[in-house]
Amino acid sequence: MTPPTELDPVPLCAALADATRWEILAVLGDRDASASELAEELPVSRQAIAKHLQQLAAVGLVEPIRAGRAIRYRALGARLGQLASRLETIGRGWDARLSRLKDVAEALDQD
């Protein structure tokens, strides 16, 4: 499945809203691994790992790599980078609003 090119934060955040998927990403951030290898490290069945990997792949956070008969997975940082950039933009907007609110409150306090 090819991930969308435009960042839609809703499915990406939904995929990240599961602790097991975070653990999978943490492992894959260090090295590529198969679903079986992930199941050996995490307290989840291989079938559950495979479903989590499908969800992560659907939003572009991991990619399957065929190595002979085996399929290994690699973490992809681009989507996380896009999400972080979008969240940073939102955060800067909030910071600016809070700064203006502080300025108004301080001006009223001086009166």
PDB file of N, CA and C in Angstrom:
ATOM      1  N   MET A   1       0.842  -1.173   0.000  1.00  0.00           N
ATOM      2  CA  MET A   1       0.000   0.000   0.000  1.00  0.00           C
ATOM      3  C   MET A   1       0.890   1.239   0.000  1.00  0.00           C
ATOM      4  N   THR A   2       0.608   2.158  -0.893  1.00  0.00           N
ATOM      5  CA  THR A   2       1.393   3.381  -0.998  1.00  0.00           C
ATOM      6  C   THR A   2       0.808   4.435  -0.077  1.00  0.00           C
ATOM      7  N   PRO A   3       1.629   5.021   0.814  1.00  0.00           N
ATOM      8  CA  PRO A   3       1.110   6.048   1.708  1.00  0.00           C
ATOM      9  C   PRO A   3       0.764   7.305   0.926  1.00  0.00           C
ATOM     10  N   PRO A   4      -0.190   8.089   1.429  1.00  0.00           N
ATOM     11  CA  PRO A   4      -0.552   9.323   0.746  1.00  0.00           C
ATOM     12  C   PRO A   4       0.625  10.294   0.727  1.00  0.00           C
ATOM     13  N   THR A   5       0.647  11.168  -0.288  1.00  0.00           N
ATOM     14  CA  THR A   5       1.742  12.133  -0.376  1.00  0.00           C
ATOM     15  C   THR A   5       1.492  13.346   0.514  1.00  0.00           C
ATOM     16  N   GLU A   6       0.249  13.781   0.641  1.00  0.00           N
ATOM     17  CA  GLU A   6      -0.079  14.906   1.518  1.00  0.00           C
ATOM     18  C   GLU A   6      -0.216  14.387   2.946  1.00  0.00           C
ATOM     19  N   LEU A   7       0.236  15.178   3.885  1.00  0.00           N
ATOM     20  CA  LEU A   7       0.137  14.768   5.280  1.00  0.00           C
ATOM     21  C   LEU A   7      -1.284  14.986   5.779  1.00  0.00           C
ATOM     22  N   ASP A   8      -1.941  13.915   6.139  1.00  0.00           N
ATOM     23  CA  ASP A   8      -3.236  13.972   6.814  1.00  0.00           C
ATOM     24  C   ASP A   8      -2.946  13.539   8.239  1.00  0.00           C
ATOM     25  N   PRO A   9      -2.953  14.469   9.188  1.00  0.00           N
ATOM     26  CA  PRO A   9      -2.539  14.121  10.544  1.00  0.00           C
ATOM     27  C   PRO A   9      -3.485  13.174  11.278  1.00  0.00           C
ATOM     28  N   VAL A  10      -4.741  13.088  10.859  1.00  0.00           N
ATOM     29  CA  VAL A  10      -5.701  12.261  11.595  1.00  0.00           C
ATOM     30  C   VAL A  10      -5.335  10.777  11.542  1.00  0.00           C
ATOM     31  N   PRO A  11      -5.172  10.171  10.355  1.00  0.00           N
ATOM     32  CA  PRO A  11      -4.800   8.749  10.369  1.00  0.00           C
ATOM     33  C   PRO A  11      -3.403   8.517  10.945  1.00  0.00           C
ATOM     34  N   LEU A  12      -2.518   9.476  10.749  1.00  0.00           N
ATOM     35  CA  LEU A  12      -1.169   9.338  11.305  1.00  0.00           C
ATOM     36  C   LEU A  12      -1.226   9.324  12.833  1.00  0.00           C
ATOM     37  N   CYS A  13      -1.973  10.256  13.403  1.00  0.00           N
ATOM     38  CA  CYS A  13      -2.113  10.290  14.872  1.00  0.00           C
ATOM     39  C   CYS A  13      -2.860   9.065  15.380  1.00  0.00           C
ATOM     40  N   ALA A  14      -3.845   8.598  14.614  1.00  0.00           N
ATOM     41  CA  ALA A  14      -4.571   7.385  15.009  1.00  0.00           C
ATOM     42  C   ALA A  14      -3.624   6.192  15.049  1.00  0.00           C
ATOM     43  N   ALA A  15      -2.737   6.111  14.060  1.00  0.00           N
ATOM     44  CA  ALA A  15      -1.766   5.012  14.037  1.00  0.00           C
ATOM     45  C   ALA A  15      -0.809   5.114  15.215  1.00  0.00           C
ATOM     46  N   LEU A  16      -0.499   6.324  15.629  1.00  0.00           N
ATOM     47  CA  LEU A  16       0.437   6.528  16.738  1.00  0.00           C
ATOM     48  C   LEU A  16      -0.241   6.440  18.107  1.00  0.00           C
ATOM     49  N   ALA A  17      -1.543   6.281  18.120  1.00  0.00           N
ATOM     50  CA  ALA A  17      -2.293   6.273  19.378  1.00  0.00           C
ATOM     51  C   ALA A  17      -2.308   4.909  20.063  1.00  0.00           C
ATOM     52  N   ASP A  18      -1.361   4.075  19.734  1.00  0.00           N
ATOM     53  CA  ASP A  18      -1.294   2.734  20.309  1.00  0.00           C
ATOM     54  C   ASP A  18       0.116   2.498  20.842  1.00  0.00           C
ATOM     55  N   ALA A  19       0.204   2.077  22.095  1.00  0.00           N
ATOM     56  CA  ALA A  19       1.507   1.883  22.734  1.00  0.00           C
ATOM     57  C   ALA A  19       2.349   0.814  22.030  1.00  0.00           C
ATOM     58  N   THR A  20       1.710  -0.235  21.541  1.00  0.00           N
ATOM     59  CA  THR A  20       2.464  -1.296  20.859  1.00  0.00           C
ATOM     60  C   THR A  20       3.099  -0.764  19.581  1.00  0.00           C
ATOM     61  N   ARG A  21       2.363   0.070  18.852  1.00  0.00           N
ATOM     62  CA  ARG A  21       2.935   0.627  17.625  1.00  0.00           C
ATOM     63  C   ARG A  21       4.120   1.542  17.938  1.00  0.00           C
ATOM     64  N   TRP A  22       4.063   2.259  19.059  1.00  0.00           N
ATOM     65  CA  TRP A  22       5.215   3.072  19.478  1.00  0.00           C
ATOM     66  C   TRP A  22       6.409   2.169  19.773  1.00  0.00           C
ATOM     67  N   GLU A  23       6.161   1.048  20.436  1.00  0.00           N
ATOM     68  CA  GLU A  23       7.250   0.112  20.733  1.00  0.00           C
ATOM     69  C   GLU A  23       7.846  -0.455  19.441  1.00  0.00           C
ATOM     70  N   ILE A  24       6.983  -0.779  18.499  1.00  0.00           N
ATOM     71  CA  ILE A  24       7.463  -1.289  17.209  1.00  0.00           C
ATOM     72  C   ILE A  24       8.332  -0.237  16.530  1.00  0.00           C
ATOM     73  N   LEU A  25       7.866   1.010  16.519  1.00  0.00           N
ATOM     74  CA  LEU A  25       8.658   2.078  15.898  1.00  0.00           C
ATOM     75  C   LEU A  25       9.989   2.276  16.604  1.00  0.00           C
ATOM     76  N   ALA A  26       9.987   2.134  17.931  1.00  0.00           N
ATOM     77  CA  ALA A  26      11.246   2.278  18.677  1.00  0.00           C
ATOM     78  C   ALA A  26      12.252   1.209  18.250  1.00  0.00           C
ATOM     79  N   VAL A  27      11.797  -0.032  18.115  1.00  0.00           N
ATOM     80  CA  VAL A  27      12.688  -1.110  17.676  1.00  0.00           C
ATOM     81  C   VAL A  27      13.160  -0.847  16.253  1.00  0.00           C
ATOM     82  N   LEU A  28      12.212  -0.508  15.369  1.00  0.00           N
ATOM     83  CA  LEU A  28      12.569  -0.293  13.966  1.00  0.00           C
ATOM     84  C   LEU A  28      13.392   0.973  13.772  1.00  0.00           C
ATOM     85  N   GLY A  29      13.359   1.866  14.717  1.00  0.00           N
ATOM     86  CA  GLY A  29      14.218   3.041  14.651  1.00  0.00           C
ATOM     87  C   GLY A  29      15.681   2.673  14.824  1.00  0.00           C
ATOM     88  N   ASP A  30      15.921   1.568  15.526  1.00  0.00           N
ATOM     89  CA  ASP A  30      17.291   1.093  15.740  1.00  0.00           C
ATOM     90  C   ASP A  30      17.769   0.157  14.643  1.00  0.00           C
ATOM     91  N   ARG A  31      16.841  -0.655  14.105  1.00  0.00           N
ATOM     92  CA  ARG A  31      17.238  -1.646  13.104  1.00  0.00           C
ATOM     93  C   ARG A  31      16.007  -2.191  12.397  1.00  0.00           C
ATOM     94  N   ASP A  32      16.212  -2.716  11.213  1.00  0.00           N
ATOM     95  CA  ASP A  32      15.138  -3.395  10.488  1.00  0.00           C
ATOM     96  C   ASP A  32      14.838  -4.713  11.202  1.00  0.00           C
ATOM     97  N   ALA A  33      13.589  -5.169  11.111  1.00  0.00           N
ATOM     98  CA  ALA A  33      13.216  -6.427  11.756  1.00  0.00           C
ATOM     99  C   ALA A  33      12.009  -7.031  11.060  1.00  0.00           C
ATOM    100  N   SER A  34      11.871  -8.334  11.186  1.00  0.00           N
ATOM    101  CA  SER A  34      10.701  -9.032  10.665  1.00  0.00           C
ATOM    102  C   SER A  34       9.612  -9.028  11.738  1.00  0.00           C
ATOM    103  N   ALA A  35       8.405  -9.377  11.339  1.00  0.00           N
ATOM    104  CA  ALA A  35       7.300  -9.466  12.302  1.00  0.00           C
ATOM    105  C   ALA A  35       7.619 -10.514  13.374  1.00  0.00           C
ATOM    106  N   SER A  36       8.246 -11.613  12.979  1.00  0.00           N
ATOM    107  CA  SER A  36       8.603 -12.664  13.944  1.00  0.00           C
ATOM    108  C   SER A  36       9.620 -12.161  14.961  1.00  0.00           C
ATOM    109  N   GLU A  37      10.614 -11.414  14.486  1.00  0.00           N
ATOM    110  CA  GLU A  37      11.623 -10.865  15.409  1.00  0.00           C
ATOM    111  C   GLU A  37      10.983  -9.874  16.375  1.00  0.00           C
ATOM    112  N   LEU A  38      10.063  -9.065  15.870  1.00  0.00           N
ATOM    113  CA  LEU A  38       9.377  -8.108  16.740  1.00  0.00           C
ATOM    114  C   LEU A  38       8.531  -8.841  17.784  1.00  0.00           C
ATOM    115  N   ALA A  39       7.874  -9.919  17.371  1.00  0.00           N
ATOM    116  CA  ALA A  39       7.038 -10.688  18.295  1.00  0.00           C
ATOM    117  C   ALA A  39       7.872 -11.345  19.389  1.00  0.00           C
ATOM    118  N   GLU A  40       9.123 -11.674  19.087  1.00  0.00           N
ATOM    119  CA  GLU A  40      10.006 -12.250  20.110  1.00  0.00           C
ATOM    120  C   GLU A  40      10.382 -11.208  21.164  1.00  0.00           C
ATOM    121  N   GLU A  41      10.469  -9.938  20.746  1.00  0.00           N
ATOM    122  CA  GLU A  41      10.885  -8.876  21.662  1.00  0.00           C
ATOM    123  C   GLU A  41       9.736  -8.236  22.427  1.00  0.00           C
ATOM    124  N   LEU A  42       8.563  -8.248  21.838  1.00  0.00           N
ATOM    125  CA  LEU A  42       7.422  -7.552  22.429  1.00  0.00           C
ATOM    126  C   LEU A  42       6.403  -8.570  22.945  1.00  0.00           C
ATOM    127  N   PRO A  43       5.631  -8.188  23.944  1.00  0.00           N
ATOM    128  CA  PRO A  43       4.652  -9.120  24.508  1.00  0.00           C
ATOM    129  C   PRO A  43       3.358  -9.185  23.690  1.00  0.00           C
ATOM    130  N   VAL A  44       3.516  -9.404  22.376  1.00  0.00           N
ATOM    131  CA  VAL A  44       2.389  -9.420  21.454  1.00  0.00           C
ATOM    132  C   VAL A  44       2.603 -10.559  20.468  1.00  0.00           C
ATOM    133  N   SER A  45       1.515 -11.164  20.007  1.00  0.00           N
ATOM    134  CA  SER A  45       1.641 -12.274  19.049  1.00  0.00           C
ATOM    135  C   SER A  45       2.140 -11.773  17.700  1.00  0.00           C
ATOM    136  N   ARG A  46       2.660 -12.690  16.916  1.00  0.00           N
ATOM    137  CA  ARG A  46       3.143 -12.344  15.585  1.00  0.00           C
ATOM    138  C   ARG A  46       2.005 -11.811  14.725  1.00  0.00           C
ATOM    139  N   GLN A  47       0.816 -12.395  14.856  1.00  0.00           N
ATOM    140  CA  GLN A  47      -0.343 -11.942  14.086  1.00  0.00           C
ATOM    141  C   GLN A  47      -0.712 -10.504  14.452  1.00  0.00           C
ATOM    142  N   ALA A  48      -0.659 -10.179  15.736  1.00  0.00           N
ATOM    143  CA  ALA A  48      -0.956  -8.809  16.162  1.00  0.00           C
ATOM    144  C   ALA A  48       0.111  -7.843  15.652  1.00  0.00           C
ATOM    145  N   ILE A  49       1.363  -8.278  15.707  1.00  0.00           N
ATOM    146  CA  ILE A  49       2.460  -7.451  15.182  1.00  0.00           C
ATOM    147  C   ILE A  49       2.226  -7.167  13.697  1.00  0.00           C
ATOM    148  N   ALA A  50       1.829  -8.190  12.941  1.00  0.00           N
ATOM    149  CA  ALA A  50       1.591  -8.022  11.503  1.00  0.00           C
ATOM    150  C   ALA A  50       0.497  -6.987  11.249  1.00  0.00           C
ATOM    151  N   LYS A  51      -0.558  -7.007  12.058  1.00  0.00           N
ATOM    152  CA  LYS A  51      -1.636  -6.024  11.899  1.00  0.00           C
ATOM    153  C   LYS A  51      -1.142  -4.614  12.233  1.00  0.00           C
ATOM    154  N   HIS A  52      -0.356  -4.503  13.290  1.00  0.00           N
ATOM    155  CA  HIS A  52       0.208  -3.193  13.649  1.00  0.00           C
ATOM    156  C   HIS A  52       1.120  -2.685  12.532  1.00  0.00           C
ATOM    157  N   LEU A  53       1.918  -3.571  11.954  1.00  0.00           N
ATOM    158  CA  LEU A  53       2.816  -3.183  10.863  1.00  0.00           C
ATOM    159  C   LEU A  53       2.025  -2.718   9.644  1.00  0.00           C
ATOM    160  N   GLN A  54       0.901  -3.356   9.367  1.00  0.00           N
ATOM    161  CA  GLN A  54       0.058  -2.933   8.248  1.00  0.00           C
ATOM    162  C   GLN A  54      -0.457  -1.511   8.476  1.00  0.00           C
ATOM    163  N   GLN A  55      -0.879  -1.232   9.696  1.00  0.00           N
ATOM    164  CA  GLN A  55      -1.382   0.113  10.001  1.00  0.00           C
ATOM    165  C   GLN A  55      -0.267   1.152   9.896  1.00  0.00           C
ATOM    166  N   LEU A  56       0.903   0.818  10.380  1.00  0.00           N
ATOM    167  CA  LEU A  56       2.033   1.747  10.293  1.00  0.00           C
ATOM    168  C   LEU A  56       2.459   1.964   8.847  1.00  0.00           C
ATOM    169  N   ALA A  57       2.421   0.909   8.040  1.00  0.00           N
ATOM    170  CA  ALA A  57       2.790   1.033   6.630  1.00  0.00           C
ATOM    171  C   ALA A  57       1.759   1.868   5.868  1.00  0.00           C
ATOM    172  N   ALA A  58       0.487   1.720   6.223  1.00  0.00           N
ATOM    173  CA  ALA A  58      -0.577   2.444   5.521  1.00  0.00           C
ATOM    174  C   ALA A  58      -0.434   3.958   5.643  1.00  0.00           C
ATOM    175  N   VAL A  59       0.167   4.424   6.740  1.00  0.00           N
ATOM    176  CA  VAL A  59       0.342   5.874   6.928  1.00  0.00           C
ATOM    177  C   VAL A  59       1.776   6.316   6.644  1.00  0.00           C
ATOM    178  N   GLY A  60       2.600   5.403   6.156  1.00  0.00           N
ATOM    179  CA  GLY A  60       3.949   5.769   5.734  1.00  0.00           C
ATOM    180  C   GLY A  60       4.980   5.851   6.835  1.00  0.00           C
ATOM    181  N   LEU A  61       4.750   5.153   7.953  1.00  0.00           N
ATOM    182  CA  LEU A  61       5.726   5.169   9.043  1.00  0.00           C
ATOM    183  C   LEU A  61       6.718   4.020   8.965  1.00  0.00           C
ATOM    184  N   VAL A  62       6.351   2.945   8.271  1.00  0.00           N
ATOM    185  CA  VAL A  62       7.276   1.831   8.035  1.00  0.00           C
ATOM    186  C   VAL A  62       7.093   1.366   6.602  1.00  0.00           C
ATOM    187  N   GLU A  63       8.109   0.676   6.100  1.00  0.00           N
ATOM    188  CA  GLU A  63       7.986   0.070   4.777  1.00  0.00           C
ATOM    189  C   GLU A  63       8.469  -1.366   4.842  1.00  0.00           C
ATOM    190  N   PRO A  64       7.745  -2.254   4.148  1.00  0.00           N
ATOM    191  CA  PRO A  64       8.196  -3.640   4.072  1.00  0.00           C
ATOM    192  C   PRO A  64       9.303  -3.770   3.035  1.00  0.00           C
ATOM    193  N   ILE A  65      10.280  -4.604   3.341  1.00  0.00           N
ATOM    194  CA  ILE A  65      11.389  -4.860   2.428  1.00  0.00           C
ATOM    195  C   ILE A  65      11.490  -6.369   2.264  1.00  0.00           C
ATOM    196  N   ARG A  66      11.343  -6.833   1.050  1.00  0.00           N
ATOM    197  CA  ARG A  66      11.435  -8.270   0.809  1.00  0.00           C
ATOM    198  C   ARG A  66      12.902  -8.664   0.758  1.00  0.00           C
ATOM    199  N   ALA A  67      13.248  -9.654   1.578  1.00  0.00           N
ATOM    200  CA  ALA A  67      14.613 -10.194   1.623  1.00  0.00           C
ATOM    201  C   ALA A  67      14.495 -11.700   1.401  1.00  0.00           C
ATOM    202  N   GLY A  68      14.515 -12.093   0.148  1.00  0.00           N
ATOM    203  CA  GLY A  68      14.282 -13.503  -0.165  1.00  0.00           C
ATOM    204  C   GLY A  68      12.832 -13.840   0.112  1.00  0.00           C
ATOM    205  N   ARG A  69      12.612 -14.831   0.948  1.00  0.00           N
ATOM    206  CA  ARG A  69      11.245 -15.211   1.313  1.00  0.00           C
ATOM    207  C   ARG A  69      10.735 -14.426   2.511  1.00  0.00           C
ATOM    208  N   ALA A  70      11.624 -13.766   3.194  1.00  0.00           N
ATOM    209  CA  ALA A  70      11.240 -13.023   4.397  1.00  0.00           C
ATOM    210  C   ALA A  70      10.871 -11.582   4.064  1.00  0.00           C
ATOM    211  N   ILE A  71      10.072 -11.006   4.918  1.00  0.00           N
ATOM    212  CA  ILE A  71       9.741  -9.585   4.810  1.00  0.00           C
ATOM    213  C   ILE A  71      10.233  -8.910   6.074  1.00  0.00           C
ATOM    214  N   ARG A  72      11.081  -7.929   5.884  1.00  0.00           N
ATOM    215  CA  ARG A  72      11.597  -7.139   7.001  1.00  0.00           C
ATOM    216  C   ARG A  72      10.973  -5.759   6.904  1.00  0.00           C
ATOM    217  N   TYR A  73      10.946  -5.059   8.008  1.00  0.00           N
ATOM    218  CA  TYR A  73      10.339  -3.732   8.042  1.00  0.00           C
ATOM    219  C   TYR A  73      11.373  -2.707   8.467  1.00  0.00           C
ATOM    220  N   ARG A  74      11.255  -1.534   7.869  1.00  0.00           N
ATOM    221  CA  ARG A  74      12.161  -0.412   8.149  1.00  0.00           C
ATOM    222  C   ARG A  74      11.302   0.790   8.536  1.00  0.00           C
ATOM    223  N   ALA A  75      11.718   1.494   9.573  1.00  0.00           N
ATOM    224  CA  ALA A  75      11.028   2.718   9.967  1.00  0.00           C
ATOM    225  C   ALA A  75      11.354   3.829   8.984  1.00  0.00           C
ATOM    226  N   LEU A  76      10.370   4.660   8.708  1.00  0.00           N
ATOM    227  CA  LEU A  76      10.545   5.817   7.836  1.00  0.00           C
ATOM    228  C   LEU A  76      10.297   7.077   8.665  1.00  0.00           C
ATOM    229  N   GLY A  77      11.256   7.955   8.702  1.00  0.00           N
ATOM    230  CA  GLY A  77      11.133   9.142   9.538  1.00  0.00           C
ATOM    231  C   GLY A  77      10.453  10.323   8.879  1.00  0.00           C
ATOM    232  N   ALA A  78      10.256  10.295   7.568  1.00  0.00           N
ATOM    233  CA  ALA A  78       9.724  11.466   6.866  1.00  0.00           C
ATOM    234  C   ALA A  78       8.353  11.880   7.383  1.00  0.00           C
ATOM    235  N   ARG A  79       7.456  10.924   7.568  1.00  0.00           N
ATOM    236  CA  ARG A  79       6.105  11.248   8.048  1.00  0.00           C
ATOM    237  C   ARG A  79       6.143  11.841   9.454  1.00  0.00           C
ATOM    238  N   LEU A  80       6.971  11.273  10.319  1.00  0.00           N
ATOM    239  CA  LEU A  80       7.086  11.833  11.668  1.00  0.00           C
ATOM    240  C   LEU A  80       7.641  13.249  11.601  1.00  0.00           C
ATOM    241  N   GLY A  81       8.594  13.466  10.701  1.00  0.00           N
ATOM    242  CA  GLY A  81       9.147  14.809  10.523  1.00  0.00           C
ATOM    243  C   GLY A  81       8.086  15.790  10.041  1.00  0.00           C
ATOM    244  N   GLN A  82       7.238  15.344   9.115  1.00  0.00           N
ATOM    245  CA  GLN A  82       6.157  16.202   8.625  1.00  0.00           C
ATOM    246  C   GLN A  82       5.168  16.527   9.740  1.00  0.00           C
ATOM    247  N   LEU A  83       4.833  15.516  10.539  1.00  0.00           N
ATOM    248  CA  LEU A  83       3.909  15.740  11.650  1.00  0.00           C
ATOM    249  C   LEU A  83       4.530  16.688  12.669  1.00  0.00           C
ATOM    250  N   ALA A  84       5.802  16.480  12.997  1.00  0.00           N
ATOM    251  CA  ALA A  84       6.482  17.354  13.958  1.00  0.00           C
ATOM    252  C   ALA A  84       6.504  18.792  13.453  1.00  0.00           C
ATOM    253  N   SER A  85       6.744  18.976  12.165  1.00  0.00           N
ATOM    254  CA  SER A  85       6.763  20.313  11.587  1.00  0.00           C
ATOM    255  C   SER A  85       5.387  20.972  11.683  1.00  0.00           C
ATOM    256  N   ARG A  86       4.362  20.200  11.399  1.00  0.00           N
ATOM    257  CA  ARG A  86       2.995  20.731  11.485  1.00  0.00           C
ATOM    258  C   ARG A  86       2.639  21.093  12.919  1.00  0.00           C
ATOM    259  N   LEU A  87       3.002  20.242  13.864  1.00  0.00           N
ATOM    260  CA  LEU A  87       2.736  20.530  15.272  1.00  0.00           C
ATOM    261  C   LEU A  87       3.520  21.743  15.751  1.00  0.00           C
ATOM    262  N   GLU A  88       4.742  21.895  15.244  1.00  0.00           N
ATOM    263  CA  GLU A  88       5.554  23.053  15.607  1.00  0.00           C
ATOM    264  C   GLU A  88       4.896  24.342  15.113  1.00  0.00           C
ATOM    265  N   THR A  89       4.350  24.309  13.906  1.00  0.00           N
ATOM    266  CA  THR A  89       3.652  25.475  13.358  1.00  0.00           C
ATOM    267  C   THR A  89       2.452  25.831  14.228  1.00  0.00           C
ATOM    268  N   ILE A  90       1.692  24.822  14.613  1.00  0.00           N
ATOM    269  CA  ILE A  90       0.540  25.058  15.490  1.00  0.00           C
ATOM    270  C   ILE A  90       1.009  25.617  16.832  1.00  0.00           C
ATOM    271  N   GLY A  91       2.078  25.049  17.362  1.00  0.00           N
ATOM    272  CA  GLY A  91       2.621  25.513  18.643  1.00  0.00           C
ATOM    273  C   GLY A  91       3.084  26.963  18.583  1.00  0.00           C
ATOM    274  N   ARG A  92       3.728  27.337  17.477  1.00  0.00           N
ATOM    275  CA  ARG A  92       4.167  28.736  17.329  1.00  0.00           C
ATOM    276  C   ARG A  92       2.966  29.673  17.304  1.00  0.00           C
ATOM    277  N   GLY A  93       1.887  29.248  16.643  1.00  0.00           N
ATOM    278  CA  GLY A  93       0.662  30.053  16.618  1.00  0.00           C
ATOM    279  C   GLY A  93       0.106  30.261  18.013  1.00  0.00           C
ATOM    280  N   TRP A  94       0.076  29.190  18.798  1.00  0.00           N
ATOM    281  CA  TRP A  94      -0.410  29.297  20.171  1.00  0.00           C
ATOM    282  C   TRP A  94       0.514  30.175  21.003  1.00  0.00           C
ATOM    283  N   ASP A  95       1.820  30.021  20.814  1.00  0.00           N
ATOM    284  CA  ASP A  95       2.772  30.865  21.550  1.00  0.00           C
ATOM    285  C   ASP A  95       2.528  32.330  21.252  1.00  0.00           C
ATOM    286  N   ALA A  96       2.290  32.657  19.979  1.00  0.00           N
ATOM    287  CA  ALA A  96       2.043  34.049  19.588  1.00  0.00           C
ATOM    288  C   ALA A  96       0.753  34.563  20.230  1.00  0.00           C
ATOM    289  N   ARG A  97      -0.280  33.744  20.243  1.00  0.00           N
ATOM    290  CA  ARG A  97      -1.555  34.151  20.858  1.00  0.00           C
ATOM    291  C   ARG A  97      -1.387  34.368  22.356  1.00  0.00           C
ATOM    292  N   LEU A  98      -0.674  33.470  23.006  1.00  0.00           N
ATOM    293  CA  LEU A  98      -0.460  33.614  24.449  1.00  0.00           C
ATOM    294  C   LEU A  98       0.384  34.839  24.763  1.00  0.00           C
ATOM    295  N   SER A  99       1.343  35.139  23.911  1.00  0.00           N
ATOM    296  CA  SER A  99       2.174  36.317  24.109  1.00  0.00           C
ATOM    297  C   SER A  99       1.335  37.588  23.995  1.00  0.00           C
ATOM    298  N   ARG A 100       0.446  37.642  22.993  1.00  0.00           N
ATOM    299  CA  ARG A 100      -0.439  38.801  22.852  1.00  0.00           C
ATOM    300  C   ARG A 100      -1.369  38.922  24.048  1.00  0.00           C
ATOM    301  N   LEU A 101      -1.890  37.799  24.527  1.00  0.00           N
ATOM    302  CA  LEU A 101      -2.768  37.812  25.690  1.00  0.00           C
ATOM    303  C   LEU A 101      -2.025  38.317  26.925  1.00  0.00           C
ATOM    304  N   LYS A 102      -0.785  37.893  27.081  1.00  0.00           N
ATOM    305  CA  LYS A 102       0.038  38.359  28.198  1.00  0.00           C
ATOM    306  C   LYS A 102       0.241  39.864  28.109  1.00  0.00           C
ATOM    307  N   ASP A 103       0.526  40.375  26.898  1.00  0.00           N
ATOM    308  CA  ASP A 103       0.730  41.809  26.708  1.00  0.00           C
ATOM    309  C   ASP A 103      -0.527  42.593  27.082  1.00  0.00           C
ATOM    310  N   VAL A 104      -1.697  42.080  26.677  1.00  0.00           N
ATOM    311  CA  VAL A 104      -2.960  42.749  27.025  1.00  0.00           C
ATOM    312  C   VAL A 104      -3.173  42.720  28.525  1.00  0.00           C
ATOM    313  N   ALA A 105      -2.938  41.583  29.162  1.00  0.00           N
ATOM    314  CA  ALA A 105      -3.126  41.473  30.609  1.00  0.00           C
ATOM    315  C   ALA A 105      -2.182  42.415  31.350  1.00  0.00           C
ATOM    316  N   GLU A 106      -0.954  42.499  30.902  1.00  0.00           N
ATOM    317  CA  GLU A 106       0.025  43.393  31.566  1.00  0.00           C
ATOM    318  C   GLU A 106      -0.373  44.858  31.375  1.00  0.00           C
ATOM    319  N   ALA A 107      -0.901  45.180  30.176  1.00  0.00           N
ATOM    320  CA  ALA A 107      -1.333  46.556  29.922  1.00  0.00           C
ATOM    321  C   ALA A 107      -2.519  46.913  30.807  1.00  0.00           C
ATOM    322  N   LEU A 108      -3.434  45.982  30.977  1.00  0.00           N
ATOM    323  CA  LEU A 108      -4.591  46.236  31.849  1.00  0.00           C
ATOM    324  C   LEU A 108      -4.171  46.343  33.303  1.00  0.00           C
ATOM    325  N   ASP A 109      -3.157  45.573  33.686  1.00  0.00           N
ATOM    326  CA  ASP A 109      -2.660  45.585  35.062  1.00  0.00           C
ATOM    327  C   ASP A 109      -1.999  46.924  35.401  1.00  0.00           C
ATOM    328  N   GLN A 110      -1.419  47.578  34.395  1.00  0.00           N
ATOM    329  CA  GLN A 110      -0.737  48.840  34.612  1.00  0.00           C
ATOM    330  C   GLN A 110      -1.713  49.997  34.749  1.00  0.00           C
ATOM    331  N   ASP A 111      -2.940  49.830  34.262  1.00  0.00           N
ATOM    332  CA  ASP A 111      -3.937  50.903  34.344  1.00  0.00           C
ATOM    333  C   ASP A 111      -4.493  51.100  35.710  1.00  0.00           C
TER     334      ASP A 111
END
